[in-house]
Amino acid sequence: MGNQVITGGYKVISATGNVTPIQGDLIGIWVSAASATPTITIYDSATTTTTTPIATVFTPASATFYSLPVSYTVGLYIVIGGTVSATVLFA
């Protein structure tokens, strides 16, 4: 069918926090900068609970897009370790 463009909302993050408190679809994460032992962990959570991981801790690289086409049921909570600047894309 050719190339399909997937679009959605976005949120720029550089610290741990909630991206959205409602269900939706994660498209991916663009990491523009990462240093000082960077890590990212992604949870299905409308608050700050860490009981339902979507992606367990990983070490991101600068200037890298991580495609993560998954649905989450209650919200999106991302935990940042080290120094990370990223844009979370979701629908």
Protein backbone atom coordinates (compact mmCIF):
# COMPACT_ATOMS: atom_id res chain seq x y z
CA MET A 1 0.00 0.00 0.00
CA GLY A 2 2.97 2.34 -0.13
CA ASN A 3 4.28 4.39 2.72
CA GLN A 4 1.73 5.22 5.38
CA VAL A 5 2.34 8.31 7.47
CA ILE A 6 1.49 7.82 11.13
CA THR A 7 0.80 11.01 13.02
CA GLY A 8 -0.19 11.93 16.54
CA GLY A 9 0.47 14.22 19.44
CA TYR A 10 3.84 14.85 20.99
CA LYS A 11 5.45 15.88 24.23
CA VAL A 12 9.05 16.95 24.70
CA ILE A 13 10.55 15.52 27.88
CA SER A 14 13.83 15.74 29.74
CA ALA A 15 12.73 14.39 33.11
CA THR A 16 10.52 11.67 34.57
CA GLY A 17 6.80 12.38 34.23
CA ASN A 18 3.40 11.61 32.82
CA VAL A 19 3.01 12.10 29.08
CA THR A 20 -0.76 11.54 29.02
CA PRO A 21 -3.32 10.24 31.57
CA ILE A 22 -5.61 8.52 29.03
CA GLN A 23 -5.44 5.39 26.89
CA GLY A 24 -3.89 5.61 23.45
CA ASP A 25 -1.18 4.42 21.14
CA LEU A 26 2.53 5.01 21.50
CA ILE A 27 4.16 5.67 18.13
CA GLY A 28 7.73 6.06 19.30
CA ILE A 29 10.38 8.23 20.91
CA TRP A 30 12.86 10.54 19.17
CA VAL A 31 15.94 10.96 21.37
CA SER A 32 17.71 14.17 20.44
CA ALA A 33 20.32 14.03 23.22
CA ALA A 34 21.48 11.39 25.70
CA SER A 35 24.46 11.43 28.07
CA ALA A 36 25.53 10.76 31.65
CA THR A 37 24.37 7.12 31.72
CA PRO A 38 20.98 7.75 30.06
CA THR A 39 18.05 5.37 30.52
CA ILE A 40 14.37 5.32 29.60
CA THR A 41 11.63 3.10 31.03
CA ILE A 42 8.04 3.31 29.77
CA TYR A 43 4.95 2.36 31.82
CA ASP A 44 1.22 2.02 31.15
CA SER A 45 0.14 4.35 33.96
CA ALA A 46 -2.04 7.45 34.34
CA THR A 47 -0.10 8.36 37.50
CA THR A 48 3.38 7.45 38.69
CA THR A 49 2.93 3.74 39.27
CA THR A 50 5.48 1.36 37.82
CA THR A 51 3.57 -1.93 37.90
CA THR A 52 2.84 -2.27 34.16
CA PRO A 53 5.96 -1.79 32.05
CA ILE A 54 5.64 -1.27 28.31
CA ALA A 55 9.40 -1.14 27.74
CA THR A 56 11.77 -1.98 30.54
CA VAL A 57 14.87 0.11 31.11
CA PHE A 58 16.93 0.72 27.97
CA THR A 59 19.89 2.92 27.12
CA PRO A 60 19.01 5.40 24.37
CA ALA A 61 21.45 6.86 21.85
CA SER A 62 21.40 10.48 20.69
CA ALA A 63 19.83 11.27 17.32
CA THR A 64 17.85 8.00 17.28
CA PHE A 65 14.16 7.25 16.71
CA TYR A 66 12.78 4.27 18.60
CA SER A 67 9.63 2.94 16.95
CA LEU A 68 7.33 1.56 19.66
CA PRO A 69 3.94 0.86 18.06
CA VAL A 70 2.01 -0.34 21.11
CA SER A 71 -1.31 0.53 22.74
CA TYR A 72 -1.52 1.50 26.39
CA THR A 73 -4.70 1.22 28.43
CA VAL A 74 -4.61 3.91 31.14
CA GLY A 75 -1.86 6.40 30.35
CA LEU A 76 1.78 6.91 29.56
CA TYR A 77 4.40 7.44 32.28
CA ILE A 78 8.09 7.68 31.36
CA VAL A 79 11.02 7.41 33.76
CA ILE A 80 14.24 9.12 32.68
CA GLY A 81 17.66 8.37 34.14
CA GLY A 82 20.80 10.37 33.44
CA THR A 83 20.46 13.15 30.88
CA VAL A 84 17.92 12.60 28.10
CA SER A 85 16.10 15.03 25.84
CA ALA A 86 13.39 13.32 23.83
CA THR A 87 10.10 13.79 22.01
CA VAL A 88 7.41 11.21 22.72
CA LEU A 89 4.98 10.64 19.83
CA PHE A 90 1.56 9.19 20.66
CA ALA A 91 -1.97 8.99 19.29
